[in-house]
N, C-alpha and C. Protein backbone atom coordinates (compact mmCIF):
# COMPACT_ATOMS: atom_id res chain seq x y z
N UNK A 1 57.80 40.14 -139.33
CA UNK A 1 57.67 41.68 -138.91
C UNK A 1 58.86 42.33 -139.64
N UNK A 2 58.64 43.56 -139.87
CA UNK A 2 59.64 44.31 -140.58
C UNK A 2 60.21 45.28 -139.50
N UNK A 3 61.45 45.82 -139.84
CA UNK A 3 62.07 46.66 -139.09
C UNK A 3 61.25 47.98 -138.76
N UNK A 4 60.89 48.35 -137.58
CA UNK A 4 59.96 49.50 -137.45
C UNK A 4 60.71 50.63 -136.59
N UNK A 5 61.90 50.29 -136.04
CA UNK A 5 62.61 51.13 -135.03
C UNK A 5 64.00 51.38 -135.60
N UNK A 6 64.44 52.65 -135.58
CA UNK A 6 65.82 52.91 -136.08
C UNK A 6 66.93 52.30 -135.40
N UNK A 7 66.62 52.07 -134.04
CA UNK A 7 67.55 51.45 -133.17
C UNK A 7 67.67 49.90 -133.49
N UNK A 8 66.74 49.20 -134.13
CA UNK A 8 66.90 47.89 -134.52
C UNK A 8 66.51 47.89 -135.91
N UNK A 9 67.52 48.15 -136.82
CA UNK A 9 67.15 48.30 -138.01
C UNK A 9 66.99 46.87 -139.22
N UNK A 10 66.82 45.81 -138.56
CA UNK A 10 66.45 44.58 -139.10
C UNK A 10 65.18 44.07 -138.94
N UNK A 11 64.67 43.08 -139.61
CA UNK A 11 63.42 42.59 -139.36
C UNK A 11 63.57 41.85 -137.91
N UNK A 12 62.64 42.29 -137.10
CA UNK A 12 62.54 42.01 -135.73
C UNK A 12 62.53 40.50 -135.49
N UNK A 13 61.96 39.63 -136.33
CA UNK A 13 61.92 38.26 -136.36
C UNK A 13 63.30 37.60 -136.16
N UNK A 14 64.43 38.45 -136.75
CA UNK A 14 65.75 37.86 -136.82
C UNK A 14 66.44 38.16 -135.48
N UNK A 15 65.81 38.89 -134.56
CA UNK A 15 66.53 39.38 -133.34
C UNK A 15 66.35 38.05 -132.24
N UNK A 16 67.41 37.47 -131.88
CA UNK A 16 67.20 36.22 -131.04
C UNK A 16 67.32 36.80 -129.58
N UNK A 17 68.27 37.69 -129.38
CA UNK A 17 68.72 38.24 -128.06
C UNK A 17 69.08 39.75 -128.29
N UNK A 18 68.71 40.45 -127.25
CA UNK A 18 69.28 41.91 -127.26
C UNK A 18 69.16 42.60 -126.04
N UNK A 19 69.40 43.84 -125.95
CA UNK A 19 68.99 44.70 -124.79
C UNK A 19 68.93 46.20 -125.50
N UNK A 20 68.34 47.04 -124.68
CA UNK A 20 68.06 48.39 -124.96
C UNK A 20 67.83 49.18 -123.87
N UNK A 21 68.13 50.50 -123.90
CA UNK A 21 67.91 51.41 -122.84
C UNK A 21 66.86 52.28 -123.28
N UNK A 22 66.29 52.09 -124.55
CA UNK A 22 65.27 53.00 -124.95
C UNK A 22 63.79 52.52 -124.27
N UNK A 23 63.13 53.11 -123.56
CA UNK A 23 61.85 52.55 -122.86
C UNK A 23 60.63 52.55 -123.91
N UNK A 24 60.83 53.24 -124.96
CA UNK A 24 59.71 53.11 -125.96
C UNK A 24 59.93 51.85 -126.97
N UNK A 25 61.00 51.20 -126.96
CA UNK A 25 61.31 50.13 -127.79
C UNK A 25 60.60 48.86 -127.17
N UNK A 26 59.71 48.16 -127.91
CA UNK A 26 59.15 46.79 -127.38
C UNK A 26 59.45 45.74 -128.42
N UNK A 27 60.46 45.02 -127.99
CA UNK A 27 60.68 43.82 -128.83
C UNK A 27 60.60 42.57 -127.80
N UNK A 28 60.27 41.54 -128.52
CA UNK A 28 60.15 40.23 -127.61
C UNK A 28 61.54 39.78 -127.05
N UNK A 29 62.44 39.75 -127.84
CA UNK A 29 63.90 39.29 -127.35
C UNK A 29 64.78 40.32 -126.94
N UNK A 30 64.25 41.62 -126.66
CA UNK A 30 65.27 42.57 -126.28
C UNK A 30 64.97 43.10 -124.95
N UNK A 31 65.65 42.71 -123.88
CA UNK A 31 65.52 43.29 -122.67
C UNK A 31 65.67 44.74 -122.33
N UNK A 32 64.85 45.30 -121.55
CA UNK A 32 65.05 46.78 -121.21
C UNK A 32 65.93 46.84 -120.12
N UNK A 33 66.92 47.57 -120.27
CA UNK A 33 67.96 47.92 -119.08
C UNK A 33 68.04 49.42 -118.93
N UNK A 34 68.08 49.81 -117.51
CA UNK A 34 68.14 51.19 -117.19
C UNK A 34 69.40 51.70 -117.55
N UNK A 35 69.51 52.87 -117.84
CA UNK A 35 70.83 53.60 -118.34
C UNK A 35 71.69 53.86 -117.19
N UNK A 36 72.00 53.00 -116.45
CA UNK A 36 73.01 53.08 -115.22
C UNK A 36 74.15 51.99 -115.40
N UNK A 37 75.33 52.58 -114.95
CA UNK A 37 76.63 51.57 -115.18
C UNK A 37 76.35 50.24 -114.63
N UNK A 38 75.81 50.20 -113.28
CA UNK A 38 75.75 48.94 -112.55
C UNK A 38 74.85 48.04 -113.49
N UNK A 39 73.59 48.50 -113.98
CA UNK A 39 72.78 47.71 -114.65
C UNK A 39 73.21 47.15 -115.99
N UNK A 40 74.15 48.09 -116.67
CA UNK A 40 74.59 47.74 -117.95
C UNK A 40 75.93 46.91 -118.00
N UNK A 41 76.56 46.74 -116.98
CA UNK A 41 77.64 46.14 -116.64
C UNK A 41 78.91 46.93 -117.16
N UNK A 42 78.92 48.27 -116.94
CA UNK A 42 80.05 49.01 -117.50
C UNK A 42 81.30 48.86 -116.53
N UNK A 43 82.31 48.73 -117.36
CA UNK A 43 83.57 48.42 -116.61
C UNK A 43 84.73 49.14 -117.49
N UNK A 44 85.85 49.25 -116.98
CA UNK A 44 87.23 49.79 -117.79
C UNK A 44 86.78 51.28 -118.22
N UNK A 45 86.17 52.09 -117.40
CA UNK A 45 85.72 53.52 -117.80
C UNK A 45 86.97 54.35 -117.93
N UNK A 46 87.03 55.24 -118.76
CA UNK A 46 88.17 56.04 -119.06
C UNK A 46 88.02 57.06 -117.84
N UNK A 47 89.02 57.85 -117.61
CA UNK A 47 88.94 58.89 -116.57
C UNK A 47 87.90 60.00 -116.62
N UNK A 48 87.40 60.18 -117.91
CA UNK A 48 86.17 61.08 -118.00
C UNK A 48 85.07 60.43 -117.62
N UNK A 49 84.13 61.40 -116.98
CA UNK A 49 82.72 60.96 -116.55
C UNK A 49 81.74 60.94 -117.74
N UNK A 50 80.74 60.29 -117.36
CA UNK A 50 79.75 60.26 -118.35
C UNK A 50 78.28 60.31 -117.47
N UNK A 51 77.91 61.47 -117.22
CA UNK A 51 76.69 61.62 -116.28
C UNK A 51 75.47 61.35 -117.23
N UNK A 52 74.56 60.77 -116.34
CA UNK A 52 73.17 60.50 -117.07
C UNK A 52 72.28 61.90 -116.86
N UNK A 53 71.89 62.49 -118.02
CA UNK A 53 71.12 63.78 -118.17
C UNK A 53 69.95 63.66 -118.75
N UNK A 54 68.97 64.69 -118.68
CA UNK A 54 67.91 64.83 -119.54
C UNK A 54 68.40 65.42 -120.93
N UNK A 55 68.27 64.84 -121.96
CA UNK A 55 68.78 65.55 -123.23
C UNK A 55 68.01 66.56 -123.66
N UNK A 56 68.67 67.58 -124.58
CA UNK A 56 67.91 68.85 -125.02
C UNK A 56 66.60 68.51 -125.76
N UNK A 57 66.52 67.38 -126.43
CA UNK A 57 65.34 66.98 -127.04
C UNK A 57 64.67 65.76 -126.47
N UNK A 58 64.53 65.75 -125.25
CA UNK A 58 64.11 64.40 -124.61
C UNK A 58 62.55 64.30 -125.03
N UNK A 59 62.24 62.99 -125.17
CA UNK A 59 60.92 62.62 -125.31
C UNK A 59 60.66 61.25 -124.86
N UNK A 60 59.60 60.52 -125.00
CA UNK A 60 59.18 59.23 -124.34
C UNK A 60 60.31 58.13 -124.80
N UNK A 61 60.85 58.28 -125.96
CA UNK A 61 61.76 57.27 -126.61
C UNK A 61 63.21 57.58 -125.92
N UNK A 62 63.44 58.82 -125.55
CA UNK A 62 64.76 59.15 -125.20
C UNK A 62 64.72 60.07 -123.78
N UNK A 63 64.29 59.76 -122.77
CA UNK A 63 64.09 60.34 -121.60
C UNK A 63 65.39 60.90 -120.90
N UNK A 64 66.58 59.93 -121.16
CA UNK A 64 67.75 60.26 -120.44
C UNK A 64 68.72 59.83 -121.46
N UNK A 65 70.03 60.34 -121.30
CA UNK A 65 71.21 60.13 -122.01
C UNK A 65 72.56 60.20 -121.31
N UNK A 66 73.35 59.72 -121.88
CA UNK A 66 74.96 59.99 -121.17
C UNK A 66 75.24 61.38 -121.91
N UNK A 67 76.07 61.95 -121.05
CA UNK A 67 76.67 63.19 -121.60
C UNK A 67 78.03 63.26 -121.17
N UNK A 68 79.06 63.67 -122.15
CA UNK A 68 80.45 63.85 -122.04
C UNK A 68 80.75 65.14 -122.55
N UNK A 69 81.32 65.87 -121.71
CA UNK A 69 81.49 67.23 -121.95
C UNK A 69 83.06 67.65 -121.93
N UNK A 70 83.50 68.15 -122.92
CA UNK A 70 84.97 68.49 -122.95
C UNK A 70 84.86 69.93 -123.36
N UNK A 71 85.65 70.69 -122.45
CA UNK A 71 85.83 72.20 -122.97
C UNK A 71 86.67 72.39 -124.31
N UNK A 72 86.55 73.48 -125.05
CA UNK A 72 87.23 73.52 -126.25
C UNK A 72 88.60 73.30 -125.97
N UNK A 73 89.23 72.61 -126.73
CA UNK A 73 90.67 72.10 -126.96
C UNK A 73 91.10 71.43 -125.73
N UNK A 74 90.26 70.75 -125.01
CA UNK A 74 90.75 70.03 -123.75
C UNK A 74 90.44 68.48 -123.79
N UNK A 75 89.69 68.01 -124.90
CA UNK A 75 89.47 66.58 -124.94
C UNK A 75 90.59 65.77 -124.77
N UNK A 76 90.60 64.64 -123.81
CA UNK A 76 91.77 63.91 -123.51
C UNK A 76 92.26 63.01 -124.77
N UNK A 77 93.40 62.72 -124.99
CA UNK A 77 93.82 61.73 -125.93
C UNK A 77 93.08 60.41 -125.83
N UNK A 78 92.45 60.03 -127.02
CA UNK A 78 91.60 58.79 -126.91
C UNK A 78 90.24 59.03 -126.55
N UNK A 79 89.85 60.31 -126.30
CA UNK A 79 88.48 60.62 -125.91
C UNK A 79 87.88 59.96 -124.75
N UNK A 80 86.77 59.59 -124.59
CA UNK A 80 86.21 59.04 -123.44
C UNK A 80 85.58 57.68 -123.73
N UNK A 81 85.69 56.59 -122.91
CA UNK A 81 85.19 55.40 -123.34
C UNK A 81 84.86 54.41 -122.20
N UNK A 82 84.43 53.17 -122.41
CA UNK A 82 84.12 52.19 -121.41
C UNK A 82 83.81 51.06 -122.26
N UNK A 83 83.72 49.92 -121.68
CA UNK A 83 83.16 48.56 -122.06
C UNK A 83 82.01 48.22 -121.42
N UNK A 84 81.17 47.46 -122.04
CA UNK A 84 79.91 47.07 -121.40
C UNK A 84 79.67 45.68 -121.66
N UNK A 85 79.30 45.00 -120.80
CA UNK A 85 79.11 43.49 -121.09
C UNK A 85 77.45 43.36 -120.76
N UNK A 86 76.86 44.10 -120.38
CA UNK A 86 75.17 43.93 -120.35
C UNK A 86 74.96 43.19 -119.09
N UNK A 87 73.61 43.01 -118.94
CA UNK A 87 73.13 42.14 -117.86
C UNK A 87 73.67 40.75 -117.99
N UNK A 88 73.76 40.06 -116.73
CA UNK A 88 74.48 38.79 -116.64
C UNK A 88 73.87 37.80 -117.49
N UNK A 89 72.56 37.63 -117.67
CA UNK A 89 71.83 36.84 -118.45
C UNK A 89 72.13 37.08 -120.14
N UNK A 90 72.18 38.39 -120.42
CA UNK A 90 72.59 38.64 -121.78
C UNK A 90 73.95 38.39 -122.10
N UNK A 91 74.84 38.64 -121.16
CA UNK A 91 76.32 38.40 -121.29
C UNK A 91 76.52 36.93 -121.48
N UNK A 92 75.81 36.19 -120.86
CA UNK A 92 75.87 34.65 -120.88
C UNK A 92 75.64 34.20 -122.37
N UNK A 93 74.38 34.81 -122.89
CA UNK A 93 73.95 34.49 -124.27
C UNK A 93 75.09 35.04 -125.38
N UNK A 94 75.60 36.08 -124.93
CA UNK A 94 76.69 36.59 -126.02
C UNK A 94 77.89 35.80 -126.13
N UNK A 95 78.27 35.12 -124.79
CA UNK A 95 79.42 34.24 -124.76
C UNK A 95 79.40 32.95 -125.63
N UNK A 96 78.08 32.51 -125.88
CA UNK A 96 77.78 31.43 -126.61
C UNK A 96 78.09 31.70 -128.02
N UNK A 97 79.18 31.82 -128.59
CA UNK A 97 79.32 32.47 -129.89
C UNK A 97 78.97 31.52 -131.11
N UNK A 98 79.03 30.22 -130.86
CA UNK A 98 78.56 29.42 -131.96
C UNK A 98 77.17 29.27 -132.19
N UNK A 99 76.36 30.03 -131.33
CA UNK A 99 74.96 29.92 -131.67
C UNK A 99 74.37 31.20 -132.43
N UNK A 100 75.28 32.17 -132.84
CA UNK A 100 74.79 33.32 -133.64
C UNK A 100 75.79 33.67 -134.55
N UNK A 101 75.41 34.34 -135.73
CA UNK A 101 76.25 34.71 -136.65
C UNK A 101 76.65 36.19 -136.69
N UNK A 102 75.81 36.99 -136.21
CA UNK A 102 76.06 38.44 -136.37
C UNK A 102 75.61 39.02 -134.96
N UNK A 103 76.24 40.32 -134.82
CA UNK A 103 75.92 41.28 -133.78
C UNK A 103 75.66 42.49 -134.28
N UNK A 104 74.60 43.29 -133.90
CA UNK A 104 74.38 44.60 -134.37
C UNK A 104 74.42 45.45 -133.24
N UNK A 105 74.94 46.70 -133.35
CA UNK A 105 74.93 47.65 -132.38
C UNK A 105 74.37 49.05 -132.98
N UNK A 106 73.56 49.54 -132.32
CA UNK A 106 73.04 50.93 -132.83
C UNK A 106 72.78 51.77 -131.77
N UNK A 107 72.90 53.15 -132.03
CA UNK A 107 72.88 54.16 -130.97
C UNK A 107 72.55 55.38 -131.73
N UNK A 108 72.23 56.48 -130.92
CA UNK A 108 72.12 57.75 -131.40
C UNK A 108 73.00 58.56 -130.74
N UNK A 109 73.60 59.65 -131.46
CA UNK A 109 74.48 60.48 -130.78
C UNK A 109 74.14 61.98 -131.07
N UNK A 110 74.03 62.80 -130.27
CA UNK A 110 73.66 64.26 -130.44
C UNK A 110 75.23 65.13 -130.18
N UNK A 111 75.57 65.87 -131.23
CA UNK A 111 76.69 66.81 -130.96
C UNK A 111 76.06 68.18 -131.00
N UNK A 112 76.64 68.99 -130.20
CA UNK A 112 76.39 70.32 -129.95
C UNK A 112 76.57 71.07 -131.46
N UNK A 113 75.96 72.24 -131.59
CA UNK A 113 76.08 73.14 -132.78
C UNK A 113 77.57 73.55 -132.66
N UNK A 114 78.09 73.41 -133.97
CA UNK A 114 79.55 73.93 -134.06
C UNK A 114 80.57 72.98 -133.63
N UNK A 115 80.03 71.63 -133.57
CA UNK A 115 81.15 70.56 -133.31
C UNK A 115 82.05 70.43 -134.25
N UNK A 116 83.31 70.40 -133.94
CA UNK A 116 84.36 70.08 -134.91
C UNK A 116 84.92 68.75 -134.95
N UNK A 117 84.78 68.07 -136.05
CA UNK A 117 85.37 66.72 -136.17
C UNK A 117 86.84 66.75 -136.27
N UNK A 118 87.51 65.78 -135.59
CA UNK A 118 88.79 65.50 -135.63
C UNK A 118 89.28 64.50 -136.40
N UNK A 119 90.18 64.36 -137.12
CA UNK A 119 90.73 63.08 -137.80
C UNK A 119 91.16 62.12 -136.58
N UNK A 120 90.67 60.75 -136.84
CA UNK A 120 91.17 59.64 -135.92
C UNK A 120 89.99 59.60 -134.81
N UNK A 121 88.93 60.38 -134.97
CA UNK A 121 87.93 60.09 -133.86
C UNK A 121 87.07 59.00 -134.10
N UNK A 122 86.62 58.22 -133.05
CA UNK A 122 85.85 57.07 -133.18
C UNK A 122 84.42 57.26 -132.40
N UNK A 123 83.61 56.47 -132.90
CA UNK A 123 82.28 56.49 -132.40
C UNK A 123 82.34 54.96 -131.67
N UNK A 124 81.24 54.74 -130.86
CA UNK A 124 81.28 53.31 -130.15
C UNK A 124 81.15 52.32 -131.33
N UNK A 125 81.70 51.09 -130.74
CA UNK A 125 81.61 49.95 -131.73
C UNK A 125 81.78 48.72 -130.92
N UNK A 126 81.76 47.54 -131.47
CA UNK A 126 81.91 46.23 -130.82
C UNK A 126 83.04 45.71 -130.79
N UNK A 127 83.46 45.09 -129.52
CA UNK A 127 84.85 44.44 -129.23
C UNK A 127 84.62 43.22 -128.51
N UNK A 128 84.81 42.15 -129.07
CA UNK A 128 84.66 40.82 -128.57
C UNK A 128 86.08 40.21 -128.16
N UNK A 129 86.13 39.91 -126.83
CA UNK A 129 87.52 39.49 -126.34
C UNK A 129 87.28 37.99 -125.93
């Protein structure tokens, strides 16, 4: 099978284990997880909130999203962030590092019109400890 979803841009037969919050994604080895901190195993959250909202361009593939709002010139140093370990079953699979060679993370980000990029800004990434 070829990759048919932008969130999983590799041949789907290569996916051994995964998770997604996108309800429209249907993959044999990717568990659907609700977009809630408790379900995703969110921890070490920065002081800034990340509310679940209906995005401006909501559709069946993206009915909800996290929102981080910073008033102009008020973004905290380091931005906003958190760690995710996923559901317990997926976390257990991820810890068995000898059984996999690659980890892929994908996501979509919507920036408001007029967003001004700053040097040193970071987007989400993978951190294995």
